Amino acid sequence: MINGLIIGLGILLLAAQTLFARLCDAVGVGEWAYPSFVLPIVLYLAVGDSSLGRGATLSFVLGYLTDAFSGLPLGLHTFLMQVLFLLARVAGLKLFLHGKVFQSLLTFFAAVAGGTLTIALHVVFERAQVHLAMGHAMLVVTSQAVASGVLAPVVFAILSKLPGGPTLKAAES
């Protein structure tokens, strides 16, 4: 039941993310302010008390849905969400502190790592991008990571209100 709620919330947040991107384009902000609403769900699963198998499976499904919504090549976000889940799982179990600041920082750094990995994968697999503007691309990644980090505590709060959902665990001393 809770898995269905998390996937349903992911679909709703993907629709909201698409709408937010359209509004940014209409206002003239463009790609600079596109946040990821699904990344905080994956991070919440990583630092929460959900099992490794359940979190990895939900991260896979959410990544696949992100690929389907974005229109990018299938598999890119699926792979990316799996990698970020596992990295946050390793880091979060040792470093997790309660609070919005940590949630924002974790999301920011995960978004930067994910954006950098995405750019690297595009450079490696798409030979047409010979003259990629790395400086501009990293500025876009950083600005999107800031937007994702700012909105992450809201997504974490929504997830903590789900009935029967994973709860955040404190760091072991």
N, C-alpha and C. Protein backbone atom coordinates (compact mmCIF):
# COMPACT_ATOMS: atom_id res chain seq x y z
N MET A 1 0.82 -1.20 0.00
CA MET A 1 0.00 0.00 0.00
C MET A 1 0.86 1.26 0.00
N ILE A 2 1.86 1.28 0.90
CA ILE A 2 2.71 2.47 1.00
C ILE A 2 3.54 2.65 -0.26
N ASN A 3 3.94 1.53 -0.89
CA ASN A 3 4.70 1.64 -2.14
C ASN A 3 3.87 2.33 -3.21
N GLY A 4 2.59 1.98 -3.28
CA GLY A 4 1.68 2.63 -4.23
C GLY A 4 1.51 4.11 -3.93
N LEU A 5 1.45 4.45 -2.64
CA LEU A 5 1.34 5.87 -2.26
C LEU A 5 2.58 6.65 -2.66
N ILE A 6 3.75 6.05 -2.46
CA ILE A 6 5.00 6.73 -2.81
C ILE A 6 5.10 6.91 -4.33
N ILE A 7 4.73 5.88 -5.08
CA ILE A 7 4.77 6.00 -6.54
C ILE A 7 3.73 7.00 -7.02
N GLY A 8 2.54 6.98 -6.42
CA GLY A 8 1.51 7.97 -6.76
C GLY A 8 1.96 9.38 -6.46
N LEU A 9 2.61 9.57 -5.30
CA LEU A 9 3.15 10.89 -4.97
C LEU A 9 4.22 11.29 -5.97
N GLY A 10 5.05 10.32 -6.38
CA GLY A 10 6.07 10.60 -7.39
C GLY A 10 5.48 11.06 -8.70
N ILE A 11 4.38 10.42 -9.12
CA ILE A 11 3.72 10.83 -10.37
C ILE A 11 3.14 12.23 -10.22
N LEU A 12 2.51 12.52 -9.08
CA LEU A 12 1.98 13.87 -8.86
C LEU A 12 3.10 14.91 -8.85
N LEU A 13 4.21 14.59 -8.21
CA LEU A 13 5.33 15.53 -8.17
C LEU A 13 5.99 15.69 -9.53
N LEU A 14 6.00 14.64 -10.34
CA LEU A 14 6.52 14.78 -11.71
C LEU A 14 5.63 15.69 -12.54
N ALA A 15 4.31 15.56 -12.34
CA ALA A 15 3.40 16.47 -13.05
C ALA A 15 3.61 17.91 -12.57
N ALA A 16 3.79 18.09 -11.26
CA ALA A 16 4.05 19.43 -10.73
C ALA A 16 5.39 19.96 -11.23
N GLN A 17 6.38 19.09 -11.35
CA GLN A 17 7.69 19.49 -11.85
C GLN A 17 7.59 19.95 -13.30
N THR A 18 6.81 19.24 -14.10
CA THR A 18 6.61 19.63 -15.49
C THR A 18 5.89 20.96 -15.59
N LEU A 19 4.87 21.14 -14.76
CA LEU A 19 4.15 22.42 -14.74
C LEU A 19 5.06 23.56 -14.29
N PHE A 20 5.88 23.30 -13.27
CA PHE A 20 6.82 24.31 -12.78
C PHE A 20 7.82 24.69 -13.87
N ALA A 21 8.28 23.71 -14.64
CA ALA A 21 9.22 23.98 -15.73
C ALA A 21 8.56 24.84 -16.81
N ARG A 22 7.31 24.54 -17.11
CA ARG A 22 6.57 25.36 -18.10
C ARG A 22 6.40 26.79 -17.60
N LEU A 23 6.10 26.95 -16.32
CA LEU A 23 5.96 28.29 -15.75
C LEU A 23 7.28 29.05 -15.78
N CYS A 24 8.38 28.36 -15.50
CA CYS A 24 9.70 29.00 -15.56
C CYS A 24 10.01 29.47 -16.97
N ASP A 25 9.64 28.65 -17.96
CA ASP A 25 9.83 29.04 -19.35
C ASP A 25 8.96 30.24 -19.71
N ALA A 26 7.72 30.25 -19.22
CA ALA A 26 6.80 31.35 -19.54
C ALA A 26 7.25 32.65 -18.91
N VAL A 27 7.82 32.58 -17.71
CA VAL A 27 8.28 33.78 -17.01
C VAL A 27 9.60 34.28 -17.60
N GLY A 28 10.34 33.38 -18.23
CA GLY A 28 11.61 33.77 -18.82
C GLY A 28 12.82 33.34 -18.02
N VAL A 29 12.60 32.57 -16.95
CA VAL A 29 13.72 32.09 -16.13
C VAL A 29 14.43 30.95 -16.86
N GLY A 30 13.66 30.13 -17.55
CA GLY A 30 14.24 29.04 -18.33
C GLY A 30 14.75 27.91 -17.48
N GLU A 31 15.74 27.21 -18.01
CA GLU A 31 16.25 25.99 -17.38
C GLU A 31 16.99 26.22 -16.07
N TRP A 32 17.26 27.45 -15.73
CA TRP A 32 18.05 27.75 -14.54
C TRP A 32 17.35 27.37 -13.24
N ALA A 33 16.03 27.36 -13.22
CA ALA A 33 15.31 27.13 -11.96
C ALA A 33 14.54 25.82 -11.93
N TYR A 34 14.84 24.87 -12.83
CA TYR A 34 14.12 23.60 -12.82
C TYR A 34 14.56 22.77 -11.62
N PRO A 35 13.69 22.57 -10.64
CA PRO A 35 14.07 21.68 -9.54
C PRO A 35 13.70 20.24 -9.86
N SER A 36 14.25 19.33 -9.11
CA SER A 36 13.85 17.93 -9.21
C SER A 36 12.99 17.63 -7.99
N PHE A 37 11.75 17.30 -8.22
CA PHE A 37 10.85 16.98 -7.11
C PHE A 37 10.95 15.50 -6.73
N VAL A 38 11.50 14.67 -7.60
CA VAL A 38 11.58 13.24 -7.34
C VAL A 38 12.85 12.89 -6.56
N LEU A 39 13.91 13.63 -6.77
CA LEU A 39 15.17 13.36 -6.07
C LEU A 39 15.00 13.34 -4.55
N PRO A 40 14.27 14.28 -3.95
CA PRO A 40 14.09 14.19 -2.50
C PRO A 40 13.37 12.92 -2.04
N ILE A 41 12.49 12.38 -2.88
CA ILE A 41 11.83 11.11 -2.51
C ILE A 41 12.87 10.00 -2.44
N VAL A 42 13.74 9.94 -3.43
CA VAL A 42 14.79 8.92 -3.46
C VAL A 42 15.72 9.09 -2.25
N LEU A 43 16.08 10.32 -1.94
CA LEU A 43 16.95 10.56 -0.79
C LEU A 43 16.26 10.23 0.52
N TYR A 44 14.97 10.51 0.61
CA TYR A 44 14.20 10.17 1.81
C TYR A 44 14.20 8.66 2.01
N LEU A 45 14.03 7.92 0.93
CA LEU A 45 14.07 6.46 1.02
C LEU A 45 15.45 5.98 1.44
N ALA A 46 16.49 6.69 1.00
CA ALA A 46 17.86 6.28 1.31
C ALA A 46 18.21 6.51 2.77
N VAL A 47 17.78 7.62 3.34
CA VAL A 47 18.15 7.92 4.73
C VAL A 47 17.05 7.52 5.71
N GLY A 48 15.93 7.05 5.21
CA GLY A 48 14.85 6.60 6.07
C GLY A 48 15.04 5.17 6.51
N ASP A 49 14.02 4.62 7.15
CA ASP A 49 14.13 3.27 7.69
C ASP A 49 13.62 2.21 6.73
N SER A 50 13.48 2.52 5.45
CA SER A 50 13.04 1.51 4.48
C SER A 50 14.20 0.56 4.18
N SER A 51 13.85 -0.65 3.78
CA SER A 51 14.87 -1.65 3.47
C SER A 51 15.61 -1.28 2.19
N LEU A 52 16.77 -1.87 2.03
CA LEU A 52 17.59 -1.60 0.84
C LEU A 52 16.87 -2.04 -0.44
N GLY A 53 16.27 -3.21 -0.41
CA GLY A 53 15.57 -3.72 -1.59
C GLY A 53 14.37 -2.87 -1.97
N ARG A 54 13.59 -2.49 -0.97
CA ARG A 54 12.40 -1.67 -1.22
C ARG A 54 12.78 -0.29 -1.74
N GLY A 55 13.78 0.33 -1.11
CA GLY A 55 14.22 1.66 -1.54
C GLY A 55 14.82 1.64 -2.93
N ALA A 56 15.61 0.61 -3.23
CA ALA A 56 16.22 0.51 -4.56
C ALA A 56 15.15 0.28 -5.63
N THR A 57 14.16 -0.55 -5.30
CA THR A 57 13.09 -0.81 -6.27
C THR A 57 12.27 0.45 -6.52
N LEU A 58 11.90 1.16 -5.47
CA LEU A 58 11.13 2.39 -5.64
C LEU A 58 11.95 3.45 -6.37
N SER A 59 13.24 3.53 -6.09
CA SER A 59 14.11 4.47 -6.80
C SER A 59 14.18 4.15 -8.28
N PHE A 60 14.23 2.86 -8.60
CA PHE A 60 14.24 2.42 -10.00
C PHE A 60 12.95 2.86 -10.69
N VAL A 61 11.81 2.59 -10.06
CA VAL A 61 10.52 2.95 -10.66
C VAL A 61 10.40 4.46 -10.82
N LEU A 62 10.79 5.22 -9.80
CA LEU A 62 10.71 6.68 -9.88
C LEU A 62 11.65 7.23 -10.96
N GLY A 63 12.83 6.65 -11.09
CA GLY A 63 13.74 7.06 -12.16
C GLY A 63 13.19 6.76 -13.53
N TYR A 64 12.56 5.59 -13.67
CA TYR A 64 11.95 5.23 -14.95
C TYR A 64 10.80 6.18 -15.29
N LEU A 65 9.98 6.52 -14.29
CA LEU A 65 8.89 7.46 -14.53
C LEU A 65 9.44 8.85 -14.89
N THR A 66 10.54 9.24 -14.28
CA THR A 66 11.17 10.52 -14.63
C THR A 66 11.64 10.51 -16.08
N ASP A 67 12.22 9.38 -16.51
CA ASP A 67 12.60 9.25 -17.92
C ASP A 67 11.39 9.36 -18.82
N ALA A 68 10.31 8.71 -18.44
CA ALA A 68 9.11 8.73 -19.27
C ALA A 68 8.50 10.12 -19.35
N PHE A 69 8.52 10.86 -18.25
CA PHE A 69 7.96 12.22 -18.24
C PHE A 69 8.86 13.21 -18.97
N SER A 70 10.18 13.03 -18.88
CA SER A 70 11.10 14.03 -19.43
C SER A 70 11.30 13.90 -20.93
N GLY A 71 11.09 12.72 -21.46
CA GLY A 71 11.31 12.53 -22.89
C GLY A 71 12.77 12.30 -23.24
N LEU A 72 13.61 12.17 -22.24
CA LEU A 72 15.02 11.88 -22.47
C LEU A 72 15.19 10.39 -22.74
N PRO A 73 16.36 9.97 -23.18
CA PRO A 73 16.56 8.54 -23.43
C PRO A 73 16.22 7.71 -22.19
N LEU A 74 15.46 6.64 -22.41
CA LEU A 74 15.09 5.79 -21.29
C LEU A 74 16.33 5.16 -20.68
N GLY A 75 16.39 5.19 -19.38
CA GLY A 75 17.49 4.59 -18.66
C GLY A 75 18.39 5.59 -17.99
N LEU A 76 18.43 6.82 -18.46
CA LEU A 76 19.34 7.80 -17.89
C LEU A 76 18.97 8.11 -16.44
N HIS A 77 17.74 8.54 -16.20
CA HIS A 77 17.33 8.85 -14.83
C HIS A 77 17.14 7.58 -14.00
N THR A 78 16.80 6.49 -14.66
CA THR A 78 16.68 5.22 -13.94
C THR A 78 18.02 4.86 -13.32
N PHE A 79 19.08 4.93 -14.11
CA PHE A 79 20.42 4.67 -13.61
C PHE A 79 20.83 5.70 -12.58
N LEU A 80 20.55 6.95 -12.86
CA LEU A 80 20.95 8.05 -11.99
C LEU A 80 20.29 7.94 -10.61
N MET A 81 19.01 7.64 -10.56
CA MET A 81 18.32 7.52 -9.27
C MET A 81 18.84 6.34 -8.46
N GLN A 82 19.22 5.25 -9.14
CA GLN A 82 19.80 4.10 -8.45
C GLN A 82 21.14 4.47 -7.82
N VAL A 83 21.98 5.14 -8.59
CA VAL A 83 23.30 5.54 -8.09
C VAL A 83 23.15 6.51 -6.92
N LEU A 84 22.29 7.50 -7.06
CA LEU A 84 22.12 8.49 -5.99
C LEU A 84 21.49 7.86 -4.75
N PHE A 85 20.59 6.91 -4.93
CA PHE A 85 20.02 6.20 -3.78
C PHE A 85 21.12 5.48 -3.01
N LEU A 86 21.96 4.74 -3.73
CA LEU A 86 23.00 3.97 -3.06
C LEU A 86 24.04 4.87 -2.41
N LEU A 87 24.42 5.96 -3.08
CA LEU A 87 25.38 6.90 -2.48
C LEU A 87 24.81 7.56 -1.22
N ALA A 88 23.56 7.98 -1.30
CA ALA A 88 22.93 8.61 -0.14
C ALA A 88 22.72 7.60 0.98
N ARG A 89 22.47 6.37 0.62
CA ARG A 89 22.30 5.31 1.63
C ARG A 89 23.59 5.13 2.41
N VAL A 90 24.70 5.07 1.69
CA VAL A 90 26.00 4.90 2.35
C VAL A 90 26.34 6.13 3.19
N ALA A 91 26.18 7.32 2.63
CA ALA A 91 26.51 8.55 3.35
C ALA A 91 25.49 8.85 4.44
N GLY A 92 24.21 8.63 4.15
CA GLY A 92 23.16 9.01 5.08
C GLY A 92 23.13 8.19 6.33
N LEU A 93 23.52 6.91 6.25
CA LEU A 93 23.50 6.08 7.44
C LEU A 93 24.52 6.54 8.46
N LYS A 94 25.58 7.16 8.02
CA LYS A 94 26.63 7.60 8.92
C LYS A 94 26.51 9.09 9.29
N LEU A 95 25.95 9.89 8.39
CA LEU A 95 25.99 11.33 8.57
C LEU A 95 24.64 11.97 8.88
N PHE A 96 23.56 11.18 8.89
CA PHE A 96 22.24 11.78 8.96
C PHE A 96 21.98 12.51 10.26
N LEU A 97 21.56 13.73 10.15
CA LEU A 97 21.10 14.53 11.27
C LEU A 97 19.70 15.02 10.93
N HIS A 98 18.84 15.11 11.91
CA HIS A 98 17.50 15.61 11.63
C HIS A 98 17.57 17.10 11.34
N GLY A 99 16.71 17.57 10.49
CA GLY A 99 16.62 18.99 10.24
C GLY A 99 16.57 19.34 8.78
N LYS A 100 15.97 20.47 8.53
CA LYS A 100 15.78 20.95 7.17
C LYS A 100 17.09 21.32 6.49
N VAL A 101 18.06 21.78 7.27
CA VAL A 101 19.35 22.17 6.69
C VAL A 101 20.03 20.95 6.08
N PHE A 102 20.06 19.84 6.82
CA PHE A 102 20.67 18.63 6.28
C PHE A 102 19.91 18.13 5.07
N GLN A 103 18.59 18.18 5.11
CA GLN A 103 17.78 17.73 3.97
C GLN A 103 18.11 18.56 2.74
N SER A 104 18.22 19.87 2.91
CA SER A 104 18.55 20.75 1.79
C SER A 104 19.96 20.49 1.28
N LEU A 105 20.91 20.35 2.19
CA LEU A 105 22.29 20.12 1.77
C LEU A 105 22.46 18.77 1.09
N LEU A 106 21.83 17.74 1.63
CA LEU A 106 21.91 16.42 1.01
C LEU A 106 21.33 16.46 -0.40
N THR A 107 20.19 17.12 -0.55
CA THR A 107 19.57 17.22 -1.88
C THR A 107 20.43 18.04 -2.82
N PHE A 108 20.99 19.13 -2.33
CA PHE A 108 21.86 19.97 -3.17
C PHE A 108 23.05 19.17 -3.69
N PHE A 109 23.76 18.49 -2.78
CA PHE A 109 24.95 17.75 -3.20
C PHE A 109 24.59 16.56 -4.09
N ALA A 110 23.48 15.90 -3.80
CA ALA A 110 23.05 14.80 -4.66
C ALA A 110 22.65 15.31 -6.04
N ALA A 111 22.01 16.46 -6.11
CA ALA A 111 21.62 17.03 -7.40
C ALA A 111 22.86 17.45 -8.21
N VAL A 112 23.86 18.01 -7.54
CA VAL A 112 25.10 18.37 -8.23
C VAL A 112 25.80 17.11 -8.75
N ALA A 113 25.86 16.07 -7.91
CA ALA A 113 26.48 14.82 -8.33
C ALA A 113 25.71 14.20 -9.49
N GLY A 114 24.39 14.22 -9.41
CA GLY A 114 23.56 13.67 -10.48
C GLY A 114 23.69 14.46 -11.77
N GLY A 115 23.71 15.77 -11.68
CA GLY A 115 23.87 16.61 -12.87
C GLY A 115 25.22 16.42 -13.53
N THR A 116 26.26 16.30 -12.70
CA THR A 116 27.60 16.08 -13.23
C THR A 116 27.68 14.72 -13.92
N LEU A 117 27.08 13.71 -13.30
CA LEU A 117 27.06 12.38 -13.91
C LEU A 117 26.27 12.38 -15.21
N THR A 118 25.18 13.12 -15.25
CA THR A 118 24.38 13.22 -16.48
C THR A 118 25.18 13.86 -17.60
N ILE A 119 25.87 14.94 -17.30
CA ILE A 119 26.71 15.61 -18.31
C ILE A 119 27.81 14.66 -18.79
N ALA A 120 28.43 13.94 -17.86
CA ALA A 120 29.49 13.01 -18.24
C ALA A 120 28.95 11.91 -19.14
N LEU A 121 27.76 11.39 -18.83
CA LEU A 121 27.18 10.35 -19.67
C LEU A 121 26.82 10.88 -21.05
N HIS A 122 26.34 12.12 -21.12
CA HIS A 122 26.04 12.71 -22.44
C HIS A 122 27.32 12.88 -23.26
N VAL A 123 28.38 13.31 -22.63
CA VAL A 123 29.64 13.51 -23.34
C VAL A 123 30.18 12.17 -23.85
N VAL A 124 30.08 11.13 -23.02
CA VAL A 124 30.62 9.83 -23.40
C VAL A 124 29.80 9.17 -24.50
N PHE A 125 28.47 9.21 -24.38
CA PHE A 125 27.63 8.43 -25.29
C PHE A 125 27.09 9.19 -26.49
N GLU A 126 27.11 10.51 -26.46
CA GLU A 126 26.63 11.29 -27.60
C GLU A 126 27.81 11.99 -28.25
N ARG A 127 28.28 11.43 -29.30
CA ARG A 127 29.46 11.97 -29.98
C ARG A 127 29.18 13.29 -30.68
N ALA A 128 27.92 13.67 -30.84
CA ALA A 128 27.57 14.91 -31.54
C ALA A 128 27.91 16.13 -30.70
N GLN A 129 28.06 15.96 -29.39
CA GLN A 129 28.33 17.11 -28.52
C GLN A 129 29.83 17.31 -28.36
N VAL A 130 30.48 17.65 -29.42
CA VAL A 130 31.92 17.82 -29.39
C VAL A 130 32.29 19.10 -28.64
N HIS A 131 31.53 20.16 -28.82
CA HIS A 131 31.86 21.45 -28.21
C HIS A 131 30.84 21.81 -27.12
N LEU A 132 30.73 20.97 -26.11
CA LEU A 132 29.81 21.22 -25.00
C LEU A 132 30.37 22.33 -24.12
N ALA A 133 29.54 23.29 -23.82
CA ALA A 133 29.96 24.41 -22.95
C ALA A 133 29.89 23.94 -21.51
N MET A 134 30.99 23.45 -20.98
CA MET A 134 31.01 22.87 -19.64
C MET A 134 30.72 23.90 -18.56
N GLY A 135 31.23 25.10 -18.71
CA GLY A 135 30.98 26.13 -17.70
C GLY A 135 29.49 26.45 -17.58
N HIS A 136 28.86 26.64 -18.71
CA HIS A 136 27.41 26.92 -18.72
C HIS A 136 26.63 25.73 -18.17
N ALA A 137 27.01 24.53 -18.58
CA ALA A 137 26.31 23.33 -18.12
C ALA A 137 26.42 23.18 -16.60
N MET A 138 27.58 23.43 -16.05
CA MET A 138 27.75 23.30 -14.60
C MET A 138 27.03 24.40 -13.84
N LEU A 139 26.93 25.59 -14.42
CA LEU A 139 26.13 26.64 -13.80
C LEU A 139 24.65 26.27 -13.76
N VAL A 140 24.16 25.67 -14.84
CA VAL A 140 22.77 25.21 -14.86
C VAL A 140 22.57 24.11 -13.83
N VAL A 141 23.49 23.16 -13.76
CA VAL A 141 23.40 22.08 -12.78
C VAL A 141 23.37 22.65 -11.36
N THR A 142 24.24 23.60 -11.08
CA THR A 142 24.30 24.19 -9.75
C THR A 142 23.03 24.95 -9.41
N SER A 143 22.51 25.73 -10.35
CA SER A 143 21.29 26.48 -10.08
C SER A 143 20.09 25.55 -9.89
N GLN A 144 20.03 24.47 -10.66
CA GLN A 144 18.95 23.50 -10.48
C GLN A 144 19.10 22.76 -9.15
N ALA A 145 20.33 22.52 -8.74
CA ALA A 145 20.57 21.87 -7.44
C ALA A 145 20.13 22.77 -6.29
N VAL A 146 20.37 24.07 -6.42
CA VAL A 146 19.89 25.02 -5.40
C VAL A 146 18.37 25.00 -5.32
N ALA A 147 17.72 25.02 -6.48
CA ALA A 147 16.25 24.97 -6.50
C ALA A 147 15.73 23.68 -5.89
N SER A 148 16.38 22.56 -6.19
CA SER A 148 15.97 21.28 -5.61
C SER A 148 16.20 21.25 -4.11
N GLY A 149 17.32 21.81 -3.66
CA GLY A 149 17.62 21.85 -2.24
C GLY A 149 16.66 22.71 -1.45
N VAL A 150 16.22 23.81 -2.04
CA VAL A 150 15.27 24.70 -1.37
C VAL A 150 13.92 24.01 -1.18
N LEU A 151 13.50 23.23 -2.17
CA LEU A 151 12.19 22.57 -2.11
C LEU A 151 12.22 21.20 -1.42
N ALA A 152 13.40 20.68 -1.13
CA ALA A 152 13.50 19.34 -0.55
C ALA A 152 12.80 19.19 0.80
N PRO A 153 12.92 20.14 1.74
CA PRO A 153 12.22 19.96 3.02
C PRO A 153 10.71 19.83 2.89
N VAL A 154 10.14 20.45 1.86
CA VAL A 154 8.69 20.32 1.64
C VAL A 154 8.35 18.89 1.24
N VAL A 155 9.15 18.31 0.34
CA VAL A 155 8.91 16.93 -0.08
C VAL A 155 9.15 15.97 1.08
N PHE A 156 10.20 16.21 1.86
CA PHE A 156 10.47 15.38 3.03
C PHE A 156 9.29 15.44 4.00
N ALA A 157 8.73 16.63 4.21
CA ALA A 157 7.59 16.77 5.12
C ALA A 157 6.36 16.02 4.60
N ILE A 158 6.11 16.08 3.31
CA ILE A 158 4.98 15.35 2.72
C ILE A 158 5.17 13.85 2.92
N LEU A 159 6.39 13.36 2.67
CA LEU A 159 6.66 11.93 2.82
C LEU A 159 6.53 11.47 4.27
N SER A 160 6.90 12.32 5.20
CA SER A 160 6.80 11.92 6.61
C SER A 160 5.35 11.84 7.08
N LYS A 161 4.42 12.46 6.35
CA LYS A 161 3.01 12.43 6.71
C LYS A 161 2.26 11.23 6.11
N LEU A 162 2.89 10.49 5.20
CA LEU A 162 2.23 9.34 4.59
C LEU A 162 1.97 8.28 5.65
N PRO A 163 0.77 7.73 5.68
CA PRO A 163 0.48 6.70 6.68
C PRO A 163 1.25 5.41 6.39
N GLY A 164 1.99 4.92 7.38
CA GLY A 164 2.74 3.68 7.20
C GLY A 164 4.00 3.83 6.40
N GLY A 165 4.38 5.06 6.10
CA GLY A 165 5.57 5.30 5.29
C GLY A 165 6.84 5.20 6.10
N PRO A 166 7.98 5.23 5.41
CA PRO A 166 9.25 5.16 6.13
C PRO A 166 9.46 6.42 6.96
N THR A 167 10.09 6.23 8.09
CA THR A 167 10.41 7.37 8.96
C THR A 167 11.91 7.60 8.91
N LEU A 168 12.31 8.81 9.26
CA LEU A 168 13.72 9.13 9.26
C LEU A 168 14.34 8.61 10.55
N LYS A 169 15.53 8.07 10.43
CA LYS A 169 16.20 7.56 11.61
C LYS A 169 17.36 8.45 11.98
N ALA A 170 17.63 8.54 13.24
CA ALA A 170 18.73 9.38 13.72
C ALA A 170 20.05 8.65 13.53
N ALA A 171 21.12 9.43 13.49
CA ALA A 171 22.44 8.84 13.33
C ALA A 171 22.82 8.09 14.59
N GLU A 172 23.55 6.99 14.38
CA GLU A 172 24.01 6.22 15.53
C GLU A 172 25.31 6.83 16.00
N SER A 173 25.43 7.02 17.30
CA SER A 173 26.63 7.64 17.85
C SER A 173 27.76 6.66 17.94
